[in-house]
N, C-alpha and C. Protein backbone atom coordinates (compact mmCIF):
# COMPACT_ATOMS: atom_id res chain seq x y z
N MET A 1 366.99 198.73 367.86
CA MET A 1 366.73 198.51 366.60
C MET A 1 367.07 200.15 366.10
N ARG A 2 367.53 200.18 364.80
CA ARG A 2 368.19 201.34 364.52
C ARG A 2 367.54 202.04 364.32
N SER A 3 368.15 203.70 364.38
CA SER A 3 367.08 204.81 363.90
C SER A 3 367.56 205.15 362.25
N GLU A 4 366.51 205.57 361.71
CA GLU A 4 366.71 206.59 360.51
C GLU A 4 366.19 207.46 360.40
N CYS A 5 367.29 208.81 360.36
CA CYS A 5 366.83 210.05 360.53
C CYS A 5 367.33 210.86 360.14
N GLU A 6 367.53 212.28 359.31
CA GLU A 6 368.08 213.19 358.86
C GLU A 6 367.54 214.66 359.21
N ALA A 7 368.37 215.67 359.56
CA ALA A 7 367.71 217.17 359.88
C ALA A 7 367.20 217.44 358.44
N GLY A 8 366.22 217.94 358.11
CA GLY A 8 365.94 219.04 356.70
C GLY A 8 366.07 219.96 357.11
N ASP A 9 367.13 220.29 355.40
CA ASP A 9 367.41 221.77 355.18
C ASP A 9 366.09 222.86 355.64
N GLY A 10 366.47 224.30 354.97
CA GLY A 10 365.80 224.94 355.03
C GLY A 10 364.99 225.63 356.20
N ALA A 11 365.06 225.83 357.82
CA ALA A 11 364.97 225.99 358.74
C ALA A 11 364.66 227.44 358.78
N VAL A 12 364.02 227.80 359.14
CA VAL A 12 363.80 229.17 358.85
C VAL A 12 364.36 230.03 360.27
N ALA A 13 365.08 231.22 360.24
CA ALA A 13 365.17 232.13 361.19
C ALA A 13 364.43 233.04 361.83
N ARG A 14 364.70 232.46 363.57
CA ARG A 14 364.07 233.17 364.39
C ARG A 14 364.39 233.76 365.34
N PRO A 15 363.89 235.04 366.21
CA PRO A 15 364.58 235.62 367.65
C PRO A 15 364.90 234.55 368.30
N PRO A 16 366.30 235.81 369.03
CA PRO A 16 366.97 234.16 369.99
C PRO A 16 366.31 234.09 370.93
N GLY A 17 366.14 232.91 372.04
CA GLY A 17 365.29 232.61 372.79
C GLY A 17 363.60 231.88 372.33
N GLN A 18 363.53 231.89 371.13
CA GLN A 18 362.01 232.16 370.20
C GLN A 18 362.67 230.20 370.54
N LYS A 19 361.25 229.70 370.86
CA LYS A 19 361.54 227.65 370.68
C LYS A 19 360.77 227.48 369.80
N ARG A 20 361.63 226.82 369.15
CA ARG A 20 361.09 226.07 367.44
C ARG A 20 360.39 225.01 367.86
N ARG A 21 358.81 225.12 366.97
CA ARG A 21 357.53 224.44 367.09
C ARG A 21 357.64 222.72 366.32
N PHE A 22 356.75 222.26 366.59
CA PHE A 22 356.71 221.07 366.09
C PHE A 22 355.31 221.05 365.25
N GLN A 23 355.23 221.39 363.71
CA GLN A 23 353.72 221.25 363.94
C GLN A 23 352.65 219.41 363.26
N TYR A 24 351.79 219.52 364.13
CA TYR A 24 351.09 218.55 363.58
C TYR A 24 350.29 218.22 363.00
N GLY A 25 349.72 217.08 362.32
CA GLY A 25 349.19 216.76 361.09
C GLY A 25 349.34 217.45 359.76
N PRO A 26 348.21 217.17 358.93
CA PRO A 26 348.84 217.70 357.31
C PRO A 26 348.64 218.90 357.04
N ARG A 27 348.60 220.10 357.70
CA ARG A 27 347.91 221.10 357.30
C ARG A 27 349.44 222.12 356.97
N ASN A 28 350.13 221.92 357.60
CA ASN A 28 351.34 222.47 357.29
C ASN A 28 352.46 221.88 356.99
N ARG A 29 353.22 221.82 355.95
CA ARG A 29 353.80 221.03 354.99
C ARG A 29 355.06 222.02 354.71
N SER A 30 355.32 223.68 355.17
CA SER A 30 356.79 224.25 354.39
C SER A 30 357.76 223.46 354.66
N GLY A 31 357.96 222.93 355.85
CA GLY A 31 359.23 222.68 356.04
C GLY A 31 359.59 223.10 357.81
N CYS A 32 360.56 222.51 358.15
CA CYS A 32 361.20 222.49 359.73
C CYS A 32 360.39 223.41 360.39
N GLY A 33 361.45 224.84 359.59
CA GLY A 33 361.40 225.94 360.32
C GLY A 33 359.83 226.75 360.52
N ALA A 34 358.50 226.44 359.65
CA ALA A 34 357.51 226.66 360.23
C ALA A 34 356.71 225.53 360.92
N SER A 35 357.61 224.66 360.86
CA SER A 35 356.72 223.62 361.84
C SER A 35 355.94 224.18 363.22
N LYS A 36 355.15 223.36 364.37
CA LYS A 36 355.10 223.84 365.44
C LYS A 36 355.12 221.87 366.41
N ASN A 37 354.07 221.35 365.99
CA ASN A 37 354.03 219.78 366.16
C ASN A 37 353.27 219.33 365.84
N ILE A 38 353.55 217.83 365.83
CA ILE A 38 352.43 216.95 365.36
C ILE A 38 351.78 215.84 366.40
N ARG A 39 350.62 215.23 366.01
CA ARG A 39 350.22 214.70 366.72
C ARG A 39 350.92 214.03 367.89
N MET A 40 352.06 213.54 367.71
CA MET A 40 352.47 212.85 368.83
C MET A 40 353.06 213.84 370.20
N ARG A 41 352.92 215.02 369.75
CA ARG A 41 353.27 215.70 370.95
C ARG A 41 352.13 215.83 371.89
N VAL A 42 350.55 215.63 371.22
CA VAL A 42 349.62 215.65 371.86
C VAL A 42 349.81 214.38 372.74
N VAL A 43 349.85 213.06 372.15
CA VAL A 43 350.32 211.98 372.97
C VAL A 43 350.88 212.44 374.03
N TRP A 44 352.37 213.05 373.66
CA TRP A 44 353.13 212.63 374.91
C TRP A 44 353.12 213.75 375.95
N SER A 45 352.80 215.07 375.30
CA SER A 45 352.57 216.14 376.23
C SER A 45 351.38 216.79 377.07
N LEU A 46 349.99 216.45 376.31
CA LEU A 46 349.10 216.96 376.76
C LEU A 46 348.24 216.09 377.09
N VAL A 47 347.91 215.33 376.42
CA VAL A 47 347.52 214.11 377.56
C VAL A 47 348.12 213.45 378.60
N LEU A 48 349.24 213.42 379.08
CA LEU A 48 349.97 212.93 380.12
C LEU A 48 350.49 214.13 380.76
N GLY A 49 350.51 214.95 380.18
CA GLY A 49 350.14 216.45 381.73
C GLY A 49 351.58 216.96 381.86
N LEU A 50 352.88 216.43 381.01
CA LEU A 50 354.14 216.40 381.18
C LEU A 50 354.43 218.17 381.17
N ALA A 51 355.67 218.61 381.99
CA ALA A 51 356.06 219.90 381.40
C ALA A 51 357.33 220.34 381.56
N LEU A 52 357.59 221.33 382.25
CA LEU A 52 358.89 222.41 381.87
C LEU A 52 360.06 221.93 382.77
N LEU A 53 361.34 221.84 382.00
CA LEU A 53 362.80 221.52 382.90
C LEU A 53 364.22 222.82 381.38
N ARG A 54 364.49 223.46 382.54
CA ARG A 54 364.86 225.02 381.83
C ARG A 54 366.35 224.26 381.43
N GLY A 55 366.82 224.77 380.34
CA GLY A 55 367.99 223.98 379.22
C GLY A 55 367.41 223.71 378.36
N ALA A 56 368.42 223.73 377.14
CA ALA A 56 368.63 222.55 376.13
C ALA A 56 369.97 221.68 376.02
N SER A 57 368.92 220.35 376.87
CA SER A 57 370.42 219.11 376.39
C SER A 57 370.38 219.01 375.79
N ASN A 58 371.62 217.53 375.31
CA ASN A 58 371.59 216.77 373.72
C ASN A 58 370.25 216.36 373.40
N GLU A 59 369.83 215.38 374.77
CA GLU A 59 369.17 214.63 374.13
C GLU A 59 367.56 215.51 373.71
N TYR A 60 367.41 216.27 374.29
CA TYR A 60 366.53 217.23 373.64
C TYR A 60 366.41 218.08 372.01
N LEU A 61 367.84 218.41 372.31
CA LEU A 61 368.20 218.79 370.52
C LEU A 61 368.27 217.62 369.43
N ALA A 62 368.20 216.32 369.93
CA ALA A 62 368.88 215.44 369.29
C ALA A 62 367.33 215.04 368.75
N ALA A 63 366.42 214.93 369.79
CA ALA A 63 364.84 214.60 369.59
C ALA A 63 364.17 215.29 368.84
N GLN A 64 364.30 216.76 368.49
CA GLN A 64 363.76 218.06 367.91
C GLN A 64 364.79 217.75 366.55
N ARG A 65 365.49 217.71 366.27
CA ARG A 65 366.21 217.03 364.68
C ARG A 65 365.04 216.00 364.14
N LYS A 66 364.84 215.03 365.05
CA LYS A 66 364.05 214.05 364.81
C LYS A 66 363.15 214.18 364.23
N PHE A 67 362.36 215.15 365.12
CA PHE A 67 360.79 215.52 364.93
C PHE A 67 360.66 216.68 363.68
N ASP A 68 362.21 217.38 363.64
CA ASP A 68 362.01 218.45 362.11
C ASP A 68 362.13 217.37 361.05
N ALA A 69 362.44 216.20 360.92
CA ALA A 69 363.18 215.10 359.84
C ALA A 69 361.75 215.04 359.52
N ILE A 70 360.85 214.23 360.49
CA ILE A 70 359.61 213.80 360.02
C ILE A 70 358.68 214.86 359.52
N SER A 71 358.49 215.83 360.25
CA SER A 71 357.71 217.46 359.59
C SER A 71 358.45 217.83 358.63
N SER A 72 359.63 217.86 358.08
CA SER A 72 359.61 218.00 356.99
C SER A 72 358.97 217.01 355.73
N ASP A 73 358.93 215.78 356.02
CA ASP A 73 358.22 215.67 354.38
C ASP A 73 359.36 214.58 353.70
N ARG A 74 360.55 214.43 353.65
CA ARG A 74 361.54 214.00 353.23
C ARG A 74 361.91 212.83 353.37
N LEU A 75 361.34 212.42 354.54
CA LEU A 75 362.30 211.00 354.55
C LEU A 75 361.93 210.09 353.79
N ARG A 76 362.48 209.33 353.22
CA ARG A 76 361.70 207.58 352.01
C ARG A 76 361.21 206.98 352.98
N PRO A 77 360.08 206.82 351.58
CA PRO A 77 359.03 205.49 352.39
C PRO A 77 359.41 204.50 353.45
N GLY A 78 358.97 204.09 354.28
CA GLY A 78 359.39 203.00 354.76
C GLY A 78 360.32 202.94 356.13
N ALA A 79 361.07 204.52 356.02
CA ALA A 79 361.90 204.67 357.08
C ALA A 79 360.96 205.04 358.69
N ARG A 80 362.52 204.34 359.27
CA ARG A 80 361.81 204.00 360.94
C ARG A 80 362.86 205.23 361.85
N VAL A 81 362.03 206.02 362.32
CA VAL A 81 362.70 207.13 363.46
C VAL A 81 362.53 206.38 364.72
N THR A 82 363.75 206.74 365.95
CA THR A 82 363.59 206.24 367.01
C THR A 82 363.53 207.43 368.11
N LEU A 83 363.19 207.47 369.03
CA LEU A 83 363.20 208.76 370.01
C LEU A 83 363.37 207.66 371.04
N SER A 84 364.65 207.60 372.03
CA SER A 84 364.90 207.27 372.95
C SER A 84 364.15 207.73 373.94
N MET A 85 364.02 207.49 375.50
CA MET A 85 362.89 207.73 376.21
C MET A 85 363.46 208.50 376.91
N GLY A 86 365.17 208.85 377.15
CA GLY A 86 365.34 210.31 377.66
C GLY A 86 365.33 211.37 376.24
N GLU A 87 365.43 211.64 375.26
CA GLU A 87 365.24 211.74 374.20
C GLU A 87 364.05 212.50 374.15
N LEU A 88 362.92 211.86 374.24
CA LEU A 88 361.29 212.21 374.98
C LEU A 88 361.05 212.55 375.76
N ASN A 89 361.98 212.23 377.06
CA ASN A 89 361.48 212.49 378.56
C ASN A 89 362.20 214.96 378.73
N ALA A 90 363.23 214.32 377.72
CA ALA A 90 364.38 215.78 377.97
C ALA A 90 362.99 217.08 376.91
N TRP A 91 362.53 216.07 375.50
CA TRP A 91 361.85 216.91 374.64
C TRP A 91 360.75 217.20 375.62
N VAL A 92 359.85 216.88 375.75
CA VAL A 92 358.75 216.87 376.55
C VAL A 92 358.70 217.85 377.79
N ALA A 93 359.79 217.90 378.35
CA ALA A 93 360.10 218.96 379.84
C ALA A 93 360.45 220.09 378.82
N GLN A 94 361.36 220.32 377.97
CA GLN A 94 361.60 221.83 377.98
C GLN A 94 360.30 222.37 377.13
N GLU A 95 359.69 221.50 376.17
CA GLU A 95 358.10 222.22 375.47
C GLU A 95 357.13 222.45 376.26
N ALA A 96 357.26 221.87 377.17
CA ALA A 96 355.87 221.97 378.13
C ALA A 96 355.46 223.54 378.32
N PRO A 97 353.97 223.93 379.04
CA PRO A 97 354.32 225.21 379.56
C PRO A 97 354.31 225.30 381.26
N ALA A 98 354.50 226.56 381.31
CA ALA A 98 354.97 226.47 383.28
C ALA A 98 353.91 226.25 383.61
N GLY A 99 354.23 225.87 385.45
CA GLY A 99 353.22 225.46 386.11
C GLY A 99 353.41 224.17 386.31
N VAL A 100 354.11 223.61 385.73
CA VAL A 100 354.73 221.71 386.07
C VAL A 100 356.57 221.83 386.02
N ARG A 101 356.66 220.79 386.43
CA ARG A 101 358.13 220.50 387.28
C ARG A 101 358.48 219.21 387.48
N ALA A 102 359.31 218.57 387.83
CA ALA A 102 359.37 217.03 388.14
C ALA A 102 359.00 216.08 387.69
N THR A 103 359.24 216.21 385.98
CA THR A 103 358.07 215.57 384.87
C THR A 103 358.52 213.98 384.74
N ARG A 104 358.02 212.78 384.48
CA ARG A 104 358.67 211.73 384.82
C ARG A 104 358.21 210.99 383.62
N LEU A 105 358.14 210.26 382.40
CA LEU A 105 357.58 209.94 381.57
C LEU A 105 358.45 208.32 381.33
N ALA A 106 357.48 207.29 381.45
CA ALA A 106 357.75 206.07 381.07
C ALA A 106 357.21 205.06 380.47
N VAL A 107 356.92 204.20 379.65
CA VAL A 107 356.71 202.79 378.65
C VAL A 107 356.43 201.24 380.17
N THR A 108 355.84 201.18 380.30
CA THR A 108 355.62 199.81 381.10
C THR A 108 355.94 198.29 379.93
N GLY A 109 356.43 197.43 380.73
CA GLY A 109 356.07 196.05 379.72
C GLY A 109 355.20 195.68 379.46
N SER A 110 354.24 196.08 379.39
CA SER A 110 352.62 195.77 378.78
C SER A 110 352.40 197.19 377.99
N GLY A 111 352.85 198.14 377.43
CA GLY A 111 353.04 198.86 376.90
C GLY A 111 352.36 200.10 376.96
N ASP A 112 351.78 200.61 378.37
CA ASP A 112 351.04 201.64 378.76
C ASP A 112 351.75 202.44 378.60
N ALA A 113 351.77 204.01 378.60
CA ALA A 113 352.73 204.97 378.86
C ALA A 113 352.32 205.68 380.59
N VAL A 114 353.26 206.00 381.38
CA VAL A 114 353.07 206.59 382.53
C VAL A 114 353.77 208.10 382.44
N GLY A 115 353.05 208.96 382.94
CA GLY A 115 353.59 210.14 383.12
C GLY A 115 353.42 210.53 384.51
N SER A 116 354.80 211.36 385.48
CA SER A 116 353.98 211.84 386.40
C SER A 116 355.00 213.52 386.23
N ALA A 117 354.01 213.87 387.78
CA ALA A 117 354.97 215.80 387.65
C ALA A 117 354.15 216.29 388.70
N MET A 118 354.63 217.33 388.66
CA MET A 118 354.40 217.97 389.95
C MET A 118 353.24 219.80 389.26
N ILE A 119 352.19 219.49 388.88
CA ILE A 119 351.50 220.00 388.75
C ILE A 119 351.00 221.32 389.41
N ASP A 120 351.04 222.43 389.35
CA ASP A 120 350.14 223.53 389.76
C ASP A 120 349.12 224.46 388.86
N PHE A 121 347.81 223.61 389.10
CA PHE A 121 346.82 223.72 387.85
C PHE A 121 346.57 224.93 387.62
N GLY A 122 346.23 225.62 388.51
CA GLY A 122 346.48 227.03 388.53
C GLY A 122 347.51 227.87 387.95
N LYS A 123 348.60 227.71 387.93
CA LYS A 123 349.85 228.59 387.45
C LYS A 123 349.53 227.84 385.92
N LEU A 124 349.18 226.66 385.01
CA LEU A 124 349.19 226.04 384.61
C LEU A 124 347.86 226.66 383.60
N GLU A 125 346.77 226.63 384.02
CA GLU A 125 345.72 227.59 383.40
C GLU A 125 346.11 228.93 383.27
N ARG A 126 346.52 229.49 384.40
CA ARG A 126 346.86 231.25 383.70
C ARG A 126 347.41 231.29 382.81
N SER A 127 348.98 230.17 382.40
CA SER A 127 349.90 230.33 381.53
C SER A 127 349.08 229.95 379.96
N GLN A 128 348.01 229.50 380.07
CA GLN A 128 347.40 229.38 378.80
C GLN A 128 346.51 230.56 378.17
N GLY A 129 346.63 231.86 379.05
CA GLY A 129 345.42 232.73 379.30
C GLY A 129 344.08 232.64 379.42
N HIS A 130 343.86 231.55 380.42
CA HIS A 130 342.44 231.57 381.40
C HIS A 130 342.92 231.99 382.44
N GLN A 131 341.87 232.97 383.20
CA GLN A 131 342.16 233.08 384.73
C GLN A 131 340.99 232.78 385.63
N PRO A 132 340.87 231.24 386.37
CA PRO A 132 340.24 230.87 387.22
C PRO A 132 339.76 231.66 388.19
N GLY A 133 337.84 231.66 388.63
CA GLY A 133 337.22 232.17 389.59
C GLY A 133 338.09 232.36 390.85
N TRP A 134 337.78 232.77 391.53
CA TRP A 134 338.27 232.88 393.25
C TRP A 134 338.09 231.20 393.50
N LEU A 135 336.71 230.99 393.82
CA LEU A 135 336.52 229.68 394.02
C LEU A 135 337.04 228.62 393.48
N MET A 136 337.93 228.70 392.38
CA MET A 136 338.48 227.44 391.09
C MET A 136 339.91 228.03 391.96
N SER A 137 340.19 228.96 392.25
CA SER A 137 341.36 229.38 392.46
C SER A 137 342.07 228.80 393.54
N ARG A 138 341.07 229.04 394.54
CA ARG A 138 341.40 228.07 395.95
C ARG A 138 341.67 226.43 395.60
N LEU A 139 340.80 225.83 394.74
CA LEU A 139 340.93 224.38 394.77
C LEU A 139 342.01 224.69 393.57
N LEU A 140 342.37 224.76 392.71
CA LEU A 140 343.30 224.46 391.50
C LEU A 140 344.99 225.05 392.38
N ASP A 141 344.92 226.05 392.92
CA ASP A 141 346.30 226.86 393.27
C ASP A 141 346.91 225.91 394.14
N GLY A 142 348.45 225.96 393.89
CA GLY A 142 349.01 225.13 394.37
C GLY A 142 349.54 223.72 393.66
N GLU A 143 350.82 223.37 394.10
CA GLU A 143 351.34 222.04 393.43
C GLU A 143 350.64 221.05 393.70
N HIS A 144 350.37 219.60 392.90
CA HIS A 144 349.84 218.47 393.19
C HIS A 144 350.36 217.62 392.70
N PRO A 145 351.02 216.55 393.24
CA PRO A 145 351.55 215.50 392.41
C PRO A 145 350.97 214.55 391.67
N VAL A 146 350.70 214.47 390.41
CA VAL A 146 350.23 213.83 389.19
C VAL A 146 350.17 213.17 388.92
N ALA A 147 350.18 211.69 388.55
CA ALA A 147 350.10 210.25 387.90
C ALA A 147 348.94 209.96 386.55
N VAL A 148 349.21 210.10 385.64
CA VAL A 148 348.24 209.48 384.55
C VAL A 148 348.94 208.48 383.97
N THR A 149 347.99 207.16 383.74
CA THR A 149 348.31 205.80 382.84
C THR A 149 347.54 206.18 381.71
N ALA A 150 348.13 206.15 380.49
CA ALA A 150 347.16 206.24 379.66
C ALA A 150 347.66 204.96 377.94
N ARG A 151 346.50 204.08 377.24
CA ARG A 151 347.46 203.44 376.15
C ARG A 151 347.13 203.57 374.75
N ILE A 152 347.86 203.64 374.09
CA ILE A 152 348.12 204.37 372.94
C ILE A 152 348.26 203.21 371.81
N HIS A 153 347.08 202.93 371.17
CA HIS A 153 346.79 202.10 369.51
C HIS A 153 347.35 203.34 368.40
N SER A 154 347.88 202.45 367.74
CA SER A 154 347.98 203.19 366.76
C SER A 154 348.36 202.02 364.79
N GLY A 155 347.72 202.63 364.13
CA GLY A 155 348.21 201.82 362.82
C GLY A 155 347.29 202.28 361.42
N GLY A 156 347.70 202.14 359.99
CA GLY A 156 347.51 202.31 359.08
C GLY A 156 346.67 204.44 359.18
N GLY A 157 347.78 205.02 359.89
CA GLY A 157 347.98 206.00 359.95
C GLY A 157 346.91 207.27 361.34
N GLN A 158 347.04 205.92 361.93
CA GLN A 158 345.79 207.16 362.92
C GLN A 158 346.43 206.31 364.09
N ALA A 159 345.93 207.36 365.44
CA ALA A 159 346.10 206.67 366.31
C ALA A 159 344.99 207.24 367.62
N THR A 160 344.80 206.28 368.51
CA THR A 160 343.83 206.33 369.86
C THR A 160 344.20 205.96 370.97
N VAL A 161 343.89 207.33 371.39
CA VAL A 161 345.20 207.67 373.53
C VAL A 161 343.66 207.56 374.34
N ASP A 162 343.56 206.07 374.90
CA ASP A 162 342.50 205.70 376.60
C ASP A 162 343.42 205.95 377.55
N VAL A 163 343.02 206.64 378.45
CA VAL A 163 343.52 207.50 379.30
C VAL A 163 342.95 206.33 380.39
N GLU A 164 344.02 205.82 380.91
CA GLU A 164 343.16 204.53 382.15
C GLU A 164 343.24 204.58 383.27
N ARG A 165 344.24 205.43 383.79
CA ARG A 165 344.23 206.15 385.62
C ARG A 165 344.58 207.34 385.33
N VAL A 166 343.86 207.70 386.38
CA VAL A 166 344.68 209.59 387.07
C VAL A 166 344.45 209.94 388.15
N ALA A 167 346.04 210.07 388.79
CA ALA A 167 345.40 209.74 390.22
C ALA A 167 346.52 211.62 390.71
N ILE A 168 345.36 212.31 391.56
CA ILE A 168 346.41 213.28 391.93
C ILE A 168 346.20 213.67 393.22
N SER A 169 347.41 213.65 393.49
CA SER A 169 347.87 213.91 395.23
C SER A 169 347.57 212.19 395.92
N GLY A 170 347.49 211.87 395.05
CA GLY A 170 347.22 209.75 395.47
C GLY A 170 346.02 209.31 395.48
N VAL A 171 345.44 210.18 394.99
CA VAL A 171 343.57 209.68 394.51
C VAL A 171 343.68 209.69 393.51
N GLU A 172 342.88 208.31 392.92
CA GLU A 172 342.53 207.80 391.90
C GLU A 172 341.28 208.48 391.36
N ILE A 173 341.18 208.84 390.23
CA ILE A 173 340.30 209.30 389.62
C ILE A 173 339.58 208.62 388.15
N ASP A 174 338.72 208.22 388.07
CA ASP A 174 338.04 208.07 387.48
C ASP A 174 336.65 207.48 386.76
N GLY A 175 335.90 207.20 385.65
CA GLY A 175 334.67 207.06 385.41
C GLY A 175 334.13 208.73 385.27
N LYS A 176 333.16 209.08 385.77
CA LYS A 176 332.34 210.11 385.43
C LYS A 176 333.37 211.50 385.64
N THR A 177 334.50 211.01 386.91
CA THR A 177 335.52 212.54 387.09
C THR A 177 335.86 212.95 386.46
N LEU A 178 336.81 211.95 386.00
CA LEU A 178 337.64 211.96 384.84
C LEU A 178 337.44 212.51 383.88
N GLN A 179 336.39 212.08 383.29
CA GLN A 179 335.29 212.84 381.61
C GLN A 179 335.51 214.15 382.24
N PHE A 180 335.03 214.37 383.62
CA PHE A 180 334.58 216.23 383.52
C PHE A 180 336.00 216.63 383.53
N LEU A 181 336.96 216.19 384.43
CA LEU A 181 338.17 216.80 384.35
C LEU A 181 338.70 217.15 383.03
N ILE A 182 338.34 216.17 381.56
CA ILE A 182 339.32 215.98 380.82
C ILE A 182 337.95 217.31 379.96
N ASP A 183 336.83 217.01 380.24
CA ASP A 183 335.90 217.86 379.29
C ASP A 183 336.10 219.62 379.69
N ASN A 184 336.45 220.02 381.30
CA ASN A 184 336.46 220.69 381.35
C ASN A 184 337.74 222.00 382.11
N PHE A 185 338.52 221.06 382.28
CA PHE A 185 339.92 221.55 381.98
C PHE A 185 340.75 221.24 381.00
N LEU A 186 341.37 220.19 380.57
CA LEU A 186 342.29 219.37 379.19
C LEU A 186 342.10 220.13 377.54
N LEU A 187 340.47 220.27 377.37
CA LEU A 187 340.06 220.69 376.54
C LEU A 187 339.57 221.94 376.15
N PRO A 188 339.62 222.85 377.07
CA PRO A 188 339.23 223.85 376.96
C PRO A 188 340.95 224.91 376.91
N LEU A 189 341.75 224.29 377.68
CA LEU A 189 343.16 224.20 377.69
C LEU A 189 344.14 224.14 376.57
N TYR A 190 343.47 223.14 375.91
CA TYR A 190 344.04 222.25 374.98
C TYR A 190 342.95 221.55 373.33
N PRO A 191 342.24 222.88 373.13
CA PRO A 191 340.75 221.74 372.26
C PRO A 191 341.06 220.99 371.46
N GLU A 192 342.45 220.73 370.54
CA GLU A 192 342.89 219.67 369.63
C GLU A 192 343.22 218.73 370.27
N ALA A 193 343.15 218.52 371.52
CA ALA A 193 343.79 217.52 372.37
C ALA A 193 342.87 216.25 371.71
N THR A 194 343.03 214.85 371.49
CA THR A 194 341.95 213.75 370.81
C THR A 194 342.13 213.10 372.16
N VAL A 195 341.04 212.87 372.74
CA VAL A 195 340.93 211.62 373.92
C VAL A 195 340.22 210.39 373.62
N GLY A 196 340.32 209.22 373.49
CA GLY A 196 339.00 208.06 372.93
C GLY A 196 339.18 208.41 371.72
N ARG A 197 339.00 209.00 371.32
CA ARG A 197 338.58 208.78 369.48
C ARG A 197 340.40 208.76 368.47
N PRO A 198 339.90 207.77 367.26
CA PRO A 198 341.23 208.15 366.50
C PRO A 198 341.44 209.69 366.02
N PHE A 199 342.59 209.76 365.49
CA PHE A 199 342.63 211.01 365.20
C PHE A 199 343.97 210.40 364.14
N GLU A 200 344.52 211.57 363.07
CA GLU A 200 345.35 211.44 361.96
C GLU A 200 346.93 211.45 362.88
N LEU A 201 347.65 210.62 362.30
CA LEU A 201 349.04 211.24 362.69
C LEU A 201 349.68 212.31 361.71
N GLY A 202 349.47 212.00 360.79
CA GLY A 202 349.69 212.89 359.63
C GLY A 202 351.66 212.65 359.15
N HIS A 203 352.12 213.83 358.37
CA HIS A 203 353.22 213.56 358.11
C HIS A 203 353.80 211.66 357.61
N ARG A 204 353.08 211.50 356.87
CA ARG A 204 353.33 209.82 356.41
C ARG A 204 353.46 208.94 357.76
N ILE A 205 353.22 209.30 358.73
CA ILE A 205 353.20 208.33 359.64
C ILE A 205 352.22 207.13 359.67
N ASP A 206 352.63 205.89 359.70
CA ASP A 206 352.12 204.78 359.34
C ASP A 206 351.41 204.43 361.19
N ARG A 207 352.51 204.27 361.89
CA ARG A 207 351.82 203.87 363.16
C ARG A 207 353.37 204.41 364.09
N LEU A 208 353.10 204.26 365.52
CA LEU A 208 353.98 204.29 366.55
C LEU A 208 354.32 203.17 367.33
N ASP A 209 355.16 202.49 367.35
CA ASP A 209 355.74 201.15 367.92
C ASP A 209 356.16 201.29 369.49
N ILE A 210 355.82 201.28 370.03
CA ILE A 210 355.79 201.90 371.67
C ILE A 210 356.34 200.96 372.65
N GLN A 211 357.49 201.12 373.02
CA GLN A 211 358.80 200.16 373.90
C GLN A 211 359.07 200.71 374.69
N PRO A 212 359.49 200.23 376.35
CA PRO A 212 359.90 200.80 377.58
C PRO A 212 360.92 201.67 376.99
N ALA A 213 362.16 201.33 376.03
CA ALA A 213 363.64 201.72 375.89
C ALA A 213 362.97 203.18 374.72
N GLY A 214 361.81 203.66 374.23
CA GLY A 214 361.55 204.46 373.56
C GLY A 214 360.15 204.13 372.67
N VAL A 215 360.30 205.17 371.45
CA VAL A 215 359.31 205.14 370.41
C VAL A 215 359.87 205.54 369.10
N THR A 216 359.31 203.89 368.53
CA THR A 216 359.55 204.43 366.77
C THR A 216 358.46 204.63 366.24
N VAL A 217 358.72 205.37 365.46
CA VAL A 217 357.77 206.19 364.15
C VAL A 217 358.12 206.05 362.88
N ALA A 218 357.21 204.79 362.70
CA ALA A 218 357.02 204.27 361.05
C ALA A 218 356.08 205.04 360.39
N LEU A 219 357.48 204.88 359.22
CA LEU A 219 356.22 206.26 358.00
C LEU A 219 356.42 204.85 357.18
N GLN A 220 354.98 205.80 356.57
CA GLN A 220 354.75 204.86 355.25
C GLN A 220 354.99 204.94 353.97
């Protein structure tokens, strides 16, 4: 499917080494330079828990230009912006916090989004300004292989993320234990994450067409 995307003008200057962020939702419409992210970043980086890869690759830069174009609100109605799986992997890896490495994002033939990474939960929590107590440090510190499977439904300017499976160190977590992790780990770190209920995509986004080759953002 053909991409339609062009980077917006008017980017705001920033100090060397400072990352450009992408504003989610409808609150900030001042252009690319003032943007942080949109709900799509919540879908891909927060819920799936993917993270760090040093260096800005060409695929990362290509993805950032497309995100900037969407957040500028200057694309024509009905435009479609396609991000390849390579671009999404590069962008998520570059943007996510410390404490996570060896990230991998894929989409299955049935449309499930699958993310995996090596995560040091203690380091991740400290990078967000939280200091776990002694007992929690003993439980959280050290790297653990984590795999998350989620299904994303979208349409009419809204999306819903349903987490289907989570495995930590090969042990599958579901039911009340999974809800406990969402309520007591994910949401305190990322209070704006939305799981299991609809949220607004913003920036005139109508839906996300998710395929194994990539994700197409369809604008209204």
